Amino acid sequence: EVQLVESGGGLVQPGGSLRLSCAASGFASDRYHIAWFHQAPGREREEISYLSMRYNDPEYGDAVKGRFTVSSDKAKNMVYLQMNSLKPVDTAVYYCAGREREGLFSWRARDAYEYWGRGTQVTVSS
C-alpha cells in the first residue's frame, strides 16, 4: 500500500523559510513521481512543484519559481520542498501527491496522481 506523509508545516513570518518533507512508502520501484500542491481556503488545489524520483527533473509553478526548491533522498524515499522568501499568499495546506502509472501526463494536473497525503498547514503571517 502506497502512503505519503507530509511534515514540516507551521507558522512563519513573511520572508521566512520552511522545509516540508514527504515520506513515501509502498511504491514498487523508483519509477514514481512526486508533486507538491497547495490549497488555500476557498481556492482550488494548485500545483507547486514536481520531481521524478528516477530522473530528478524538477518543475515549478510560476508563483514559486526562484523561491522554492524540490529535492529528494532516494535512499530514504523522501522528497523535500524548501520554501524561501515566503509570502502571506503562500498560506495553504500543502499536499504531497504520487504517481506510479506509466505514460504521458501533465505534472500540473491533479488527476495525474493516484496517491495523496493528508497535507500539512503552512501559515505565513506576522
PDB file of N, CA and C in Angstrom:
ATOM      1  N   GLU A   1       0.844  -1.197   0.000  1.00  0.00           N
ATOM      2  CA  GLU A   1       0.000   0.000   0.000  1.00  0.00           C
ATOM      3  C   GLU A   1       0.883   1.252   0.000  1.00  0.00           C
ATOM      4  N   VAL A   2       0.613   2.115  -0.949  1.00  0.00           N
ATOM      5  CA  VAL A   2       1.375   3.373  -1.028  1.00  0.00           C
ATOM      6  C   VAL A   2       0.869   4.340   0.027  1.00  0.00           C
ATOM      7  N   GLN A   3       1.803   4.962   0.711  1.00  0.00           N
ATOM      8  CA  GLN A   3       1.467   6.012   1.674  1.00  0.00           C
ATOM      9  C   GLN A   3       2.377   7.204   1.469  1.00  0.00           C
ATOM     10  N   LEU A   4       1.793   8.366   1.616  1.00  0.00           N
ATOM     11  CA  LEU A   4       2.539   9.622   1.553  1.00  0.00           C
ATOM     12  C   LEU A   4       2.215  10.408   2.815  1.00  0.00           C
ATOM     13  N   VAL A   5       3.243  10.838   3.513  1.00  0.00           N
ATOM     14  CA  VAL A   5       3.038  11.568   4.763  1.00  0.00           C
ATOM     15  C   VAL A   5       3.854  12.846   4.726  1.00  0.00           C
ATOM     16  N   GLU A   6       3.138  13.965   4.823  1.00  0.00           N
ATOM     17  CA  GLU A   6       3.808  15.267   4.831  1.00  0.00           C
ATOM     18  C   GLU A   6       4.120  15.701   6.262  1.00  0.00           C
ATOM     19  N   SER A   7       5.170  16.491   6.385  1.00  0.00           N
ATOM     20  CA  SER A   7       5.506  17.086   7.673  1.00  0.00           C
ATOM     21  C   SER A   7       6.299  18.368   7.428  1.00  0.00           C
ATOM     22  N   GLY A   8       6.443  19.157   8.488  1.00  0.00           N
ATOM     23  CA  GLY A   8       7.282  20.346   8.401  1.00  0.00           C
ATOM     24  C   GLY A   8       6.536  21.659   8.304  1.00  0.00           C
ATOM     25  N   GLY A   9       5.214  21.612   8.242  1.00  0.00           N
ATOM     26  CA  GLY A   9       4.463  22.860   8.178  1.00  0.00           C
ATOM     27  C   GLY A   9       4.502  23.610   9.489  1.00  0.00           C
ATOM     28  N   GLY A  10       3.994  24.831   9.450  1.00  0.00           N
ATOM     29  CA  GLY A  10       3.963  25.638  10.663  1.00  0.00           C
ATOM     30  C   GLY A  10       3.685  27.083  10.364  1.00  0.00           C
ATOM     31  N   LEU A  11       3.923  27.907  11.369  1.00  0.00           N
ATOM     32  CA  LEU A  11       3.726  29.356  11.253  1.00  0.00           C
ATOM     33  C   LEU A  11       5.079  30.018  11.039  1.00  0.00           C
ATOM     34  N   VAL A  12       5.152  30.880  10.048  1.00  0.00           N
ATOM     35  CA  VAL A  12       6.413  31.570   9.748  1.00  0.00           C
ATOM     36  C   VAL A  12       6.094  33.002   9.346  1.00  0.00           C
ATOM     37  N   GLN A  13       7.012  33.900   9.631  1.00  0.00           N
ATOM     38  CA  GLN A  13       6.809  35.298   9.262  1.00  0.00           C
ATOM     39  C   GLN A  13       7.102  35.501   7.775  1.00  0.00           C
ATOM     40  N   PRO A  14       6.510  36.520   7.178  1.00  0.00           N
ATOM     41  CA  PRO A  14       6.834  36.843   5.774  1.00  0.00           C
ATOM     42  C   PRO A  14       8.340  37.017   5.595  1.00  0.00           C
ATOM     43  N   GLY A  15       8.843  36.453   4.512  1.00  0.00           N
ATOM     44  CA  GLY A  15      10.279  36.470   4.247  1.00  0.00           C
ATOM     45  C   GLY A  15      11.027  35.296   4.836  1.00  0.00           C
ATOM     46  N   GLY A  16      10.355  34.519   5.657  1.00  0.00           N
ATOM     47  CA  GLY A  16      10.993  33.380   6.301  1.00  0.00           C
ATOM     48  C   GLY A  16      11.029  32.144   5.419  1.00  0.00           C
ATOM     49  N   SER A  17      11.501  31.049   6.006  1.00  0.00           N
ATOM     50  CA  SER A  17      11.676  29.794   5.281  1.00  0.00           C
ATOM     51  C   SER A  17      11.096  28.626   6.061  1.00  0.00           C
ATOM     52  N   LEU A  18      10.693  27.614   5.328  1.00  0.00           N
ATOM     53  CA  LEU A  18      10.279  26.335   5.902  1.00  0.00           C
ATOM     54  C   LEU A  18      10.734  25.236   4.953  1.00  0.00           C
ATOM     55  N   ARG A  19      10.962  24.053   5.503  1.00  0.00           N
ATOM     56  CA  ARG A  19      11.221  22.894   4.665  1.00  0.00           C
ATOM     57  C   ARG A  19      10.173  21.831   4.959  1.00  0.00           C
ATOM     58  N   LEU A  20       9.422  21.489   3.930  1.00  0.00           N
ATOM     59  CA  LEU A  20       8.446  20.421   4.044  1.00  0.00           C
ATOM     60  C   LEU A  20       9.079  19.098   3.615  1.00  0.00           C
ATOM     61  N   SER A  21       8.589  18.036   4.221  1.00  0.00           N
ATOM     62  CA  SER A  21       9.056  16.701   3.871  1.00  0.00           C
ATOM     63  C   SER A  21       7.869  15.841   3.469  1.00  0.00           C
ATOM     64  N   CYS A  22       8.107  14.948   2.525  1.00  0.00           N
ATOM     65  CA  CYS A  22       7.113  13.968   2.117  1.00  0.00           C
ATOM     66  C   CYS A  22       7.779  12.594   2.210  1.00  0.00           C
ATOM     67  N   ALA A  23       7.277  11.778   3.124  1.00  0.00           N
ATOM     68  CA  ALA A  23       7.793  10.424   3.287  1.00  0.00           C
ATOM     69  C   ALA A  23       6.937   9.488   2.444  1.00  0.00           C
ATOM     70  N   ALA A  24       7.572   8.848   1.465  1.00  0.00           N
ATOM     71  CA  ALA A  24       6.859   7.953   0.550  1.00  0.00           C
ATOM     72  C   ALA A  24       7.184   6.505   0.886  1.00  0.00           C
ATOM     73  N   SER A  25       6.160   5.665   0.867  1.00  0.00           N
ATOM     74  CA  SER A  25       6.385   4.239   1.107  1.00  0.00           C
ATOM     75  C   SER A  25       5.414   3.431   0.264  1.00  0.00           C
ATOM     76  N   GLY A  26       5.804   2.194  -0.040  1.00  0.00           N
ATOM     77  CA  GLY A  26       4.916   1.283  -0.737  1.00  0.00           C
ATOM     78  C   GLY A  26       5.019   1.277  -2.249  1.00  0.00           C
ATOM     79  N   PHE A  27       5.823   2.158  -2.828  1.00  0.00           N
ATOM     80  CA  PHE A  27       5.982   2.125  -4.278  1.00  0.00           C
ATOM     81  C   PHE A  27       6.806   0.909  -4.679  1.00  0.00           C
ATOM     82  N   ALA A  28       6.446   0.331  -5.843  1.00  0.00           N
ATOM     83  CA  ALA A  28       7.076  -0.920  -6.267  1.00  0.00           C
ATOM     84  C   ALA A  28       8.499  -0.718  -6.776  1.00  0.00           C
ATOM     85  N   SER A  29       8.807   0.468  -7.261  1.00  0.00           N
ATOM     86  CA  SER A  29      10.144   0.734  -7.789  1.00  0.00           C
ATOM     87  C   SER A  29      10.438   2.219  -7.633  1.00  0.00           C
ATOM     88  N   ASP A  30      11.543   2.682  -8.236  1.00  0.00           N
ATOM     89  CA  ASP A  30      11.856   4.117  -8.180  1.00  0.00           C
ATOM     90  C   ASP A  30      11.229   4.869  -9.350  1.00  0.00           C
ATOM     91  N   ARG A  31      10.381   4.199 -10.112  1.00  0.00           N
ATOM     92  CA  ARG A  31       9.742   4.856 -11.261  1.00  0.00           C
ATOM     93  C   ARG A  31       8.448   5.530 -10.831  1.00  0.00           C
ATOM     94  N   TYR A  32       8.550   6.374  -9.854  1.00  0.00           N
ATOM     95  CA  TYR A  32       7.354   7.087  -9.454  1.00  0.00           C
ATOM     96  C   TYR A  32       7.655   8.580  -9.417  1.00  0.00           C
ATOM     97  N   HIS A  33       6.609   9.342  -9.347  1.00  0.00           N
ATOM     98  CA  HIS A  33       6.698  10.788  -9.436  1.00  0.00           C
ATOM     99  C   HIS A  33       6.031  11.397  -8.210  1.00  0.00           C
ATOM    100  N   ILE A  34       6.604  12.475  -7.745  1.00  0.00           N
ATOM    101  CA  ILE A  34       6.031  13.188  -6.603  1.00  0.00           C
ATOM    102  C   ILE A  34       5.815  14.641  -6.984  1.00  0.00           C
ATOM    103  N   ALA A  35       4.667  15.151  -6.639  1.00  0.00           N
ATOM    104  CA  ALA A  35       4.370  16.570  -6.836  1.00  0.00           C
ATOM    105  C   ALA A  35       3.885  17.170  -5.529  1.00  0.00           C
ATOM    106  N   TRP A  36       4.073  18.443  -5.435  1.00  0.00           N
ATOM    107  CA  TRP A  36       3.532  19.225  -4.322  1.00  0.00           C
ATOM    108  C   TRP A  36       2.437  20.136  -4.869  1.00  0.00           C
ATOM    109  N   PHE A  37       1.328  20.131  -4.157  1.00  0.00           N
ATOM    110  CA  PHE A  37       0.232  21.047  -4.431  1.00  0.00           C
ATOM    111  C   PHE A  37      -0.071  21.811  -3.153  1.00  0.00           C
ATOM    112  N   HIS A  38      -0.721  22.934  -3.304  1.00  0.00           N
ATOM    113  CA  HIS A  38      -1.255  23.589  -2.116  1.00  0.00           C
ATOM    114  C   HIS A  38      -2.682  24.053  -2.370  1.00  0.00           C
ATOM    115  N   GLN A  39      -3.406  24.202  -1.269  1.00  0.00           N
ATOM    116  CA  GLN A  39      -4.792  24.632  -1.363  1.00  0.00           C
ATOM    117  C   GLN A  39      -5.088  25.616  -0.253  1.00  0.00           C
ATOM    118  N   ALA A  40      -5.443  26.820  -0.661  1.00  0.00           N
ATOM    119  CA  ALA A  40      -5.839  27.852   0.285  1.00  0.00           C
ATOM    120  C   ALA A  40      -7.349  27.799   0.468  1.00  0.00           C
ATOM    121  N   PRO A  41      -7.868  28.299   1.582  1.00  0.00           N
ATOM    122  CA  PRO A  41      -9.316  28.272   1.810  1.00  0.00           C
ATOM    123  C   PRO A  41     -10.072  28.938   0.670  1.00  0.00           C
ATOM    124  N   GLY A  42     -11.089  28.247   0.165  1.00  0.00           N
ATOM    125  CA  GLY A  42     -11.921  28.806  -0.883  1.00  0.00           C
ATOM    126  C   GLY A  42     -11.318  28.766  -2.269  1.00  0.00           C
ATOM    127  N   ARG A  43     -10.159  28.131  -2.395  1.00  0.00           N
ATOM    128  CA  ARG A  43      -9.498  28.077  -3.696  1.00  0.00           C
ATOM    129  C   ARG A  43      -9.249  26.629  -4.111  1.00  0.00           C
ATOM    130  N   GLU A  44      -9.013  26.442  -5.393  1.00  0.00           N
ATOM    131  CA  GLU A  44      -8.719  25.107  -5.884  1.00  0.00           C
ATOM    132  C   GLU A  44      -7.290  24.706  -5.520  1.00  0.00           C
ATOM    133  N   ARG A  45      -7.078  23.398  -5.494  1.00  0.00           N
ATOM    134  CA  ARG A  45      -5.734  22.897  -5.248  1.00  0.00           C
ATOM    135  C   ARG A  45      -4.840  23.286  -6.431  1.00  0.00           C
ATOM    136  N   GLU A  46      -3.682  23.834  -6.131  1.00  0.00           N
ATOM    137  CA  GLU A  46      -2.823  24.430  -7.153  1.00  0.00           C
ATOM    138  C   GLU A  46      -1.460  23.756  -7.149  1.00  0.00           C
ATOM    139  N   GLU A  47      -0.926  23.535  -8.352  1.00  0.00           N
ATOM    140  CA  GLU A  47       0.380  22.881  -8.447  1.00  0.00           C
ATOM    141  C   GLU A  47       1.502  23.803  -7.975  1.00  0.00           C
ATOM    142  N   ILE A  48       2.478  23.189  -7.288  1.00  0.00           N
ATOM    143  CA  ILE A  48       3.618  23.931  -6.772  1.00  0.00           C
ATOM    144  C   ILE A  48       4.914  23.442  -7.386  1.00  0.00           C
ATOM    145  N   SER A  49       5.131  22.129  -7.331  1.00  0.00           N
ATOM    146  CA  SER A  49       6.400  21.599  -7.795  1.00  0.00           C
ATOM    147  C   SER A  49       6.258  20.111  -8.093  1.00  0.00           C
ATOM    148  N   TYR A  50       7.235  19.592  -8.837  1.00  0.00           N
ATOM    149  CA  TYR A  50       7.195  18.190  -9.268  1.00  0.00           C
ATOM    150  C   TYR A  50       8.611  17.646  -9.347  1.00  0.00           C
ATOM    151  N   LEU A  51       8.707  16.333  -9.127  1.00  0.00           N
ATOM    152  CA  LEU A  51      10.007  15.675  -9.269  1.00  0.00           C
ATOM    153  C   LEU A  51       9.792  14.222  -9.650  1.00  0.00           C
ATOM    154  N   SER A  52      10.531  13.778 -10.669  1.00  0.00           N
ATOM    155  CA  SER A  52      10.585  12.353 -10.976  1.00  0.00           C
ATOM    156  C   SER A  52      11.641  11.728 -10.088  1.00  0.00           C
ATOM    157  N   MET A  53      11.287  10.699  -9.364  1.00  0.00           N
ATOM    158  CA  MET A  53      12.271  10.076  -8.474  1.00  0.00           C
ATOM    159  C   MET A  53      13.362   9.380  -9.267  1.00  0.00           C
ATOM    160  N   ARG A  54      13.053   9.011 -10.513  1.00  0.00           N
ATOM    161  CA  ARG A  54      14.052   8.315 -11.312  1.00  0.00           C
ATOM    162  C   ARG A  54      14.976   9.297 -12.018  1.00  0.00           C
ATOM    163  N   TYR A  55      14.410  10.368 -12.575  1.00  0.00           N
ATOM    164  CA  TYR A  55      15.189  11.265 -13.420  1.00  0.00           C
ATOM    165  C   TYR A  55      15.556  12.583 -12.751  1.00  0.00           C
ATOM    166  N   ASN A  56      14.935  12.881 -11.607  1.00  0.00           N
ATOM    167  CA  ASN A  56      15.308  14.071 -10.850  1.00  0.00           C
ATOM    168  C   ASN A  56      15.264  15.324 -11.720  1.00  0.00           C
ATOM    169  N   ASP A  57      14.115  15.555 -12.361  1.00  0.00           N
ATOM    170  CA  ASP A  57      13.941  16.697 -13.267  1.00  0.00           C
ATOM    171  C   ASP A  57      12.865  17.620 -12.700  1.00  0.00           C
ATOM    172  N   PRO A  58      13.251  18.555 -11.847  1.00  0.00           N
ATOM    173  CA  PRO A  58      12.248  19.355 -11.150  1.00  0.00           C
ATOM    174  C   PRO A  58      11.476  20.307 -12.050  1.00  0.00           C
ATOM    175  N   GLU A  59      10.240  20.568 -11.658  1.00  0.00           N
ATOM    176  CA  GLU A  59       9.394  21.557 -12.293  1.00  0.00           C
ATOM    177  C   GLU A  59       8.788  22.416 -11.184  1.00  0.00           C
ATOM    178  N   TYR A  60       8.451  23.653 -11.558  1.00  0.00           N
ATOM    179  CA  TYR A  60       7.892  24.579 -10.566  1.00  0.00           C
ATOM    180  C   TYR A  60       6.739  25.369 -11.156  1.00  0.00           C
ATOM    181  N   GLY A  61       5.779  25.670 -10.306  1.00  0.00           N
ATOM    182  CA  GLY A  61       4.740  26.576 -10.701  1.00  0.00           C
ATOM    183  C   GLY A  61       5.276  27.997 -10.789  1.00  0.00           C
ATOM    184  N   ASP A  62       4.626  28.811 -11.597  1.00  0.00           N
ATOM    185  CA  ASP A  62       5.123  30.169 -11.827  1.00  0.00           C
ATOM    186  C   ASP A  62       5.204  30.987 -10.543  1.00  0.00           C
ATOM    187  N   ALA A  63       4.287  30.734  -9.620  1.00  0.00           N
ATOM    188  CA  ALA A  63       4.231  31.550  -8.406  1.00  0.00           C
ATOM    189  C   ALA A  63       5.398  31.282  -7.457  1.00  0.00           C
ATOM    190  N   VAL A  64       6.100  30.162  -7.641  1.00  0.00           N
ATOM    191  CA  VAL A  64       7.139  29.804  -6.674  1.00  0.00           C
ATOM    192  C   VAL A  64       8.524  29.696  -7.287  1.00  0.00           C
ATOM    193  N   LYS A  65       8.634  29.871  -8.590  1.00  0.00           N
ATOM    194  CA  LYS A  65       9.950  29.777  -9.234  1.00  0.00           C
ATOM    195  C   LYS A  65      10.919  30.769  -8.612  1.00  0.00           C
ATOM    196  N   GLY A  66      12.107  30.285  -8.320  1.00  0.00           N
ATOM    197  CA  GLY A  66      13.123  31.131  -7.720  1.00  0.00           C
ATOM    198  C   GLY A  66      13.039  31.223  -6.213  1.00  0.00           C
ATOM    199  N   ARG A  67      11.958  30.732  -5.626  1.00  0.00           N
ATOM    200  CA  ARG A  67      11.790  30.777  -4.163  1.00  0.00           C
ATOM    201  C   ARG A  67      11.766  29.385  -3.544  1.00  0.00           C
ATOM    202  N   PHE A  68      11.198  28.430  -4.252  1.00  0.00           N
ATOM    203  CA  PHE A  68      11.057  27.072  -3.730  1.00  0.00           C
ATOM    204  C   PHE A  68      12.003  26.141  -4.486  1.00  0.00           C
ATOM    205  N   THR A  69      12.476  25.132  -3.773  1.00  0.00           N
ATOM    206  CA  THR A  69      13.340  24.123  -4.378  1.00  0.00           C
ATOM    207  C   THR A  69      12.896  22.741  -3.922  1.00  0.00           C
ATOM    208  N   VAL A  70      12.694  21.854  -4.880  1.00  0.00           N
ATOM    209  CA  VAL A  70      12.314  20.483  -4.563  1.00  0.00           C
ATOM    210  C   VAL A  70      13.544  19.583  -4.706  1.00  0.00           C
ATOM    211  N   SER A  71      13.659  18.629  -3.800  1.00  0.00           N
ATOM    212  CA  SER A  71      14.790  17.709  -3.841  1.00  0.00           C
ATOM    213  C   SER A  71      14.350  16.368  -3.267  1.00  0.00           C
ATOM    214  N   SER A  72      15.224  15.384  -3.404  1.00  0.00           N
ATOM    215  CA  SER A  72      14.866  14.062  -2.901  1.00  0.00           C
ATOM    216  C   SER A  72      16.061  13.356  -2.279  1.00  0.00           C
ATOM    217  N   ASP A  73      15.749  12.404  -1.439  1.00  0.00           N
ATOM    218  CA  ASP A  73      16.735  11.464  -0.923  1.00  0.00           C
ATOM    219  C   ASP A  73      16.180  10.084  -1.287  1.00  0.00           C
ATOM    220  N   LYS A  74      16.683   9.550  -2.393  1.00  0.00           N
ATOM    221  CA  LYS A  74      16.105   8.306  -2.904  1.00  0.00           C
ATOM    222  C   LYS A  74      16.309   7.156  -1.931  1.00  0.00           C
ATOM    223  N   ALA A  75      17.420   7.153  -1.234  1.00  0.00           N
ATOM    224  CA  ALA A  75      17.695   6.068  -0.298  1.00  0.00           C
ATOM    225  C   ALA A  75      16.660   6.022   0.821  1.00  0.00           C
ATOM    226  N   LYS A  76      16.125   7.187   1.164  1.00  0.00           N
ATOM    227  CA  LYS A  76      15.146   7.273   2.249  1.00  0.00           C
ATOM    228  C   LYS A  76      13.725   7.407   1.727  1.00  0.00           C
ATOM    229  N   ASN A  77      13.557   7.462   0.401  1.00  0.00           N
ATOM    230  CA  ASN A  77      12.230   7.691  -0.190  1.00  0.00           C
ATOM    231  C   ASN A  77      11.591   8.951   0.373  1.00  0.00           C
ATOM    232  N   MET A  78      12.389   9.998   0.422  1.00  0.00           N
ATOM    233  CA  MET A  78      11.921  11.286   0.935  1.00  0.00           C
ATOM    234  C   MET A  78      11.999  12.331  -0.172  1.00  0.00           C
ATOM    235  N   VAL A  79      11.019  13.207  -0.179  1.00  0.00           N
ATOM    236  CA  VAL A  79      11.040  14.372  -1.061  1.00  0.00           C
ATOM    237  C   VAL A  79      10.859  15.597  -0.190  1.00  0.00           C
ATOM    238  N   TYR A  80      11.648  16.621  -0.487  1.00  0.00           N
ATOM    239  CA  TYR A  80      11.640  17.836   0.316  1.00  0.00           C
ATOM    240  C   TYR A  80      11.233  19.029  -0.534  1.00  0.00           C
ATOM    241  N   LEU A  81      10.590  19.972   0.105  1.00  0.00           N
ATOM    242  CA  LEU A  81      10.268  21.237  -0.545  1.00  0.00           C
ATOM    243  C   LEU A  81      10.813  22.339   0.346  1.00  0.00           C
ATOM    244  N   GLN A  82      11.903  22.934  -0.101  1.00  0.00           N
ATOM    245  CA  GLN A  82      12.486  24.069   0.604  1.00  0.00           C
ATOM    246  C   GLN A  82      11.807  25.333   0.130  1.00  0.00           C
ATOM    247  N   MET A  83      11.190  26.031   1.055  1.00  0.00           N
ATOM    248  CA  MET A  83      10.411  27.224   0.709  1.00  0.00           C
ATOM    249  C   MET A  83      11.089  28.439   1.341  1.00  0.00           C
ATOM    250  N   ASN A  84      11.571  29.342   0.508  1.00  0.00           N
ATOM    251  CA  ASN A  84      12.224  30.555   0.966  1.00  0.00           C
ATOM    252  C   ASN A  84      11.416  31.776   0.558  1.00  0.00           C
ATOM    253  N   SER A  85      11.737  32.903   1.177  1.00  0.00           N
ATOM    254  CA  SER A  85      11.060  34.167   0.854  1.00  0.00           C
ATOM    255  C   SER A  85       9.543  33.995   0.864  1.00  0.00           C
ATOM    256  N   LEU A  86       9.054  33.386   1.904  1.00  0.00           N
ATOM    257  CA  LEU A  86       7.632  33.081   1.980  1.00  0.00           C
ATOM    258  C   LEU A  86       6.800  34.351   2.076  1.00  0.00           C
ATOM    259  N   LYS A  87       5.627  34.281   1.459  1.00  0.00           N
ATOM    260  CA  LYS A  87       4.704  35.406   1.417  1.00  0.00           C
ATOM    261  C   LYS A  87       3.375  34.976   2.043  1.00  0.00           C
ATOM    262  N   PRO A  88       2.587  35.918   2.514  1.00  0.00           N
ATOM    263  CA  PRO A  88       1.264  35.553   3.043  1.00  0.00           C
ATOM    264  C   PRO A  88       0.423  34.761   2.043  1.00  0.00           C
ATOM    265  N   VAL A  89       0.579  35.018   0.757  1.00  0.00           N
ATOM    266  CA  VAL A  89      -0.196  34.313  -0.263  1.00  0.00           C
ATOM    267  C   VAL A  89       0.191  32.832  -0.345  1.00  0.00           C
ATOM    268  N   ASP A  90       1.317  32.458   0.253  1.00  0.00           N
ATOM    269  CA  ASP A  90       1.713  31.049   0.289  1.00  0.00           C
ATOM    270  C   ASP A  90       0.970  30.268   1.364  1.00  0.00           C
ATOM    271  N   THR A  91       0.215  30.954   2.190  1.00  0.00           N
ATOM    272  CA  THR A  91      -0.542  30.285   3.247  1.00  0.00           C
ATOM    273  C   THR A  91      -1.542  29.309   2.643  1.00  0.00           C
ATOM    274  N   ALA A  92      -1.434  28.039   3.037  1.00  0.00           N
ATOM    275  CA  ALA A  92      -2.285  26.992   2.456  1.00  0.00           C
ATOM    276  C   ALA A  92      -1.957  25.677   3.134  1.00  0.00           C
ATOM    277  N   VAL A  93      -2.760  24.681   2.829  1.00  0.00           N
ATOM    278  CA  VAL A  93      -2.401  23.304   3.170  1.00  0.00           C
ATOM    279  C   VAL A  93      -1.597  22.754   1.998  1.00  0.00           C
ATOM    280  N   TYR A  94      -0.447  22.183   2.314  1.00  0.00           N
ATOM    281  CA  TYR A  94       0.442  21.645   1.292  1.00  0.00           C
ATOM    282  C   TYR A  94       0.323  20.132   1.255  1.00  0.00           C
ATOM    283  N   TYR A  95       0.098  19.613   0.053  1.00  0.00           N
ATOM    284  CA  TYR A  95      -0.096  18.191  -0.145  1.00  0.00           C
ATOM    285  C   TYR A  95       1.019  17.598  -1.012  1.00  0.00           C
ATOM    286  N   CYS A  96       1.360  16.404  -0.691  1.00  0.00           N
ATOM    287  CA  CYS A  96       2.285  15.594  -1.472  1.00  0.00           C
ATOM    288  C   CYS A  96       1.434  14.622  -2.287  1.00  0.00           C
ATOM    289  N   ALA A  97       1.700  14.523  -3.588  1.00  0.00           N
ATOM    290  CA  ALA A  97       0.937  13.627  -4.465  1.00  0.00           C
ATOM    291  C   ALA A  97       1.900  12.680  -5.174  1.00  0.00           C
ATOM    292  N   GLY A  98       1.453  11.450  -5.385  1.00  0.00           N
ATOM    293  CA  GLY A  98       2.315  10.451  -6.014  1.00  0.00           C
ATOM    294  C   GLY A  98       1.662   9.801  -7.215  1.00  0.00           C
ATOM    295  N   ARG A  99       2.508   9.516  -8.214  1.00  0.00           N
ATOM    296  CA  ARG A  99       2.037   8.839  -9.421  1.00  0.00           C
ATOM    297  C   ARG A  99       2.926   7.651  -9.696  1.00  0.00           C
ATOM    298  N   GLU A 100       2.326   6.514  -9.969  1.00  0.00           N
ATOM    299  CA  GLU A 100       3.066   5.303 -10.288  1.00  0.00           C
ATOM    300  C   GLU A 100       2.769   4.832 -11.704  1.00  0.00           C
ATOM    301  N   ARG A 101       1.663   5.270 -12.283  1.00  0.00           N
ATOM    302  CA  ARG A 101       1.284   4.851 -13.628  1.00  0.00           C
ATOM    303  C   ARG A 101       2.295   5.334 -14.638  1.00  0.00           C
ATOM    304  N   GLU A 102       2.497   4.544 -15.689  1.00  0.00           N
ATOM    305  CA  GLU A 102       3.340   4.953 -16.786  1.00  0.00           C
ATOM    306  C   GLU A 102       2.507   5.750 -17.799  1.00  0.00           C
ATOM    307  N   GLY A 103       3.214   6.396 -18.725  1.00  0.00           N
ATOM    308  CA  GLY A 103       2.527   7.143 -19.767  1.00  0.00           C
ATOM    309  C   GLY A 103       2.717   8.635 -19.601  1.00  0.00           C
ATOM    310  N   LEU A 104       2.332   9.344 -20.653  1.00  0.00           N
ATOM    311  CA  LEU A 104       2.492  10.794 -20.655  1.00  0.00           C
ATOM    312  C   LEU A 104       1.452  11.439 -19.745  1.00  0.00           C
ATOM    313  N   PHE A 105       1.859  12.495 -19.106  1.00  0.00           N
ATOM    314  CA  PHE A 105       0.929  13.233 -18.260  1.00  0.00           C
ATOM    315  C   PHE A 105       1.465  14.632 -18.053  1.00  0.00           C
ATOM    316  N   SER A 106       0.574  15.498 -17.622  1.00  0.00           N
ATOM    317  CA  SER A 106       0.970  16.839 -17.227  1.00  0.00           C
ATOM    318  C   SER A 106       1.174  16.857 -15.724  1.00  0.00           C
ATOM    319  N   TRP A 107       2.328  17.275 -15.279  1.00  0.00           N
ATOM    320  CA  TRP A 107       2.594  17.259 -13.842  1.00  0.00           C
ATOM    321  C   TRP A 107       1.673  18.215 -13.096  1.00  0.00           C
ATOM    322  N   ARG A 108       1.085  19.159 -13.811  1.00  0.00           N
ATOM    323  CA  ARG A 108       0.221  20.158 -13.178  1.00  0.00           C
ATOM    324  C   ARG A 108      -1.192  19.631 -12.917  1.00  0.00           C
ATOM    325  N   ALA A 109      -1.537  18.511 -13.517  1.00  0.00           N
ATOM    326  CA  ALA A 109      -2.913  18.011 -13.428  1.00  0.00           C
ATOM    327  C   ALA A 109      -3.123  17.199 -12.155  1.00  0.00           C
ATOM    328  N   ARG A 110      -4.100  17.608 -11.375  1.00  0.00           N
ATOM    329  CA  ARG A 110      -4.367  16.887 -10.127  1.00  0.00           C
ATOM    330  C   ARG A 110      -4.727  15.434 -10.376  1.00  0.00           C
ATOM    331  N   ASP A 111      -5.461  15.171 -11.446  1.00  0.00           N
ATOM    332  CA  ASP A 111      -5.901  13.798 -11.703  1.00  0.00           C
ATOM    333  C   ASP A 111      -4.802  12.917 -12.291  1.00  0.00           C
ATOM    334  N   ALA A 112      -3.600  13.461 -12.441  1.00  0.00           N
ATOM    335  CA  ALA A 112      -2.463  12.648 -12.876  1.00  0.00           C
ATOM    336  C   ALA A 112      -1.929  11.764 -11.742  1.00  0.00           C
ATOM    337  N   TYR A 113      -2.338  12.040 -10.516  1.00  0.00           N
ATOM    338  CA  TYR A 113      -1.756  11.383  -9.350  1.00  0.00           C
ATOM    339  C   TYR A 113      -2.766  10.474  -8.668  1.00  0.00           C
ATOM    340  N   GLU A 114      -2.316   9.253  -8.377  1.00  0.00           N
ATOM    341  CA  GLU A 114      -3.203   8.276  -7.748  1.00  0.00           C
ATOM    342  C   GLU A 114      -3.224   8.396  -6.232  1.00  0.00           C
ATOM    343  N   TYR A 115      -2.148   8.955  -5.672  1.00  0.00           N
ATOM    344  CA  TYR A 115      -1.993   8.924  -4.221  1.00  0.00           C
ATOM    345  C   TYR A 115      -1.778  10.324  -3.673  1.00  0.00           C
ATOM    346  N   TRP A 116      -2.366  10.557  -2.523  1.00  0.00           N
ATOM    347  CA  TRP A 116      -2.257  11.862  -1.880  1.00  0.00           C
ATOM    348  C   TRP A 116      -2.008  11.686  -0.391  1.00  0.00           C
ATOM    349  N   GLY A 117      -1.203  12.596   0.152  1.00  0.00           N
ATOM    350  CA  GLY A 117      -1.065  12.660   1.596  1.00  0.00           C
ATOM    351  C   GLY A 117      -2.204  13.469   2.194  1.00  0.00           C
ATOM    352  N   ARG A 118      -2.172  13.595   3.514  1.00  0.00           N
ATOM    353  CA  ARG A 118      -3.239  14.331   4.210  1.00  0.00           C
ATOM    354  C   ARG A 118      -2.958  15.823   4.295  1.00  0.00           C
ATOM    355  N   GLY A 119      -1.755  16.220   4.015  1.00  0.00           N
ATOM    356  CA  GLY A 119      -1.434  17.637   3.978  1.00  0.00           C
ATOM    357  C   GLY A 119      -0.814  18.152   5.260  1.00  0.00           C
ATOM    358  N   THR A 120      -0.126  19.274   5.129  1.00  0.00           N
ATOM    359  CA  THR A 120       0.455  19.964   6.277  1.00  0.00           C
ATOM    360  C   THR A 120       0.206  21.457   6.095  1.00  0.00           C
ATOM    361  N   GLN A 121      -0.213  22.103   7.167  1.00  0.00           N
ATOM    362  CA  GLN A 121      -0.591  23.513   7.106  1.00  0.00           C
ATOM    363  C   GLN A 121       0.645  24.407   7.153  1.00  0.00           C
ATOM    364  N   VAL A 122       0.684  25.353   6.236  1.00  0.00           N
ATOM    365  CA  VAL A 122       1.708  26.398   6.250  1.00  0.00           C
ATOM    366  C   VAL A 122       0.997  27.739   6.370  1.00  0.00           C
ATOM    367  N   THR A 123       1.364  28.497   7.372  1.00  0.00           N
ATOM    368  CA  THR A 123       0.774  29.814   7.585  1.00  0.00           C
ATOM    369  C   THR A 123       1.887  30.851   7.601  1.00  0.00           C
ATOM    370  N   VAL A 124       1.769  31.833   6.709  1.00  0.00           N
ATOM    371  CA  VAL A 124       2.762  32.906   6.624  1.00  0.00           C
ATOM    372  C   VAL A 124       2.085  34.187   7.098  1.00  0.00           C
ATOM    373  N   SER A 125       2.498  34.636   8.255  1.00  0.00           N
ATOM    374  CA  SER A 125       1.840  35.795   8.863  1.00  0.00           C
ATOM    375  C   SER A 125       2.772  36.436   9.875  1.00  0.00           C
ATOM    376  N   SER A 126       2.624  37.760  10.002  1.00  0.00           N
ATOM    377  CA  SER A 126       3.396  38.473  11.020  1.00  0.00           C
ATOM    378  C   SER A 126       2.581  38.615  12.297  1.00  0.00           C
TER     379      SER A 126
END
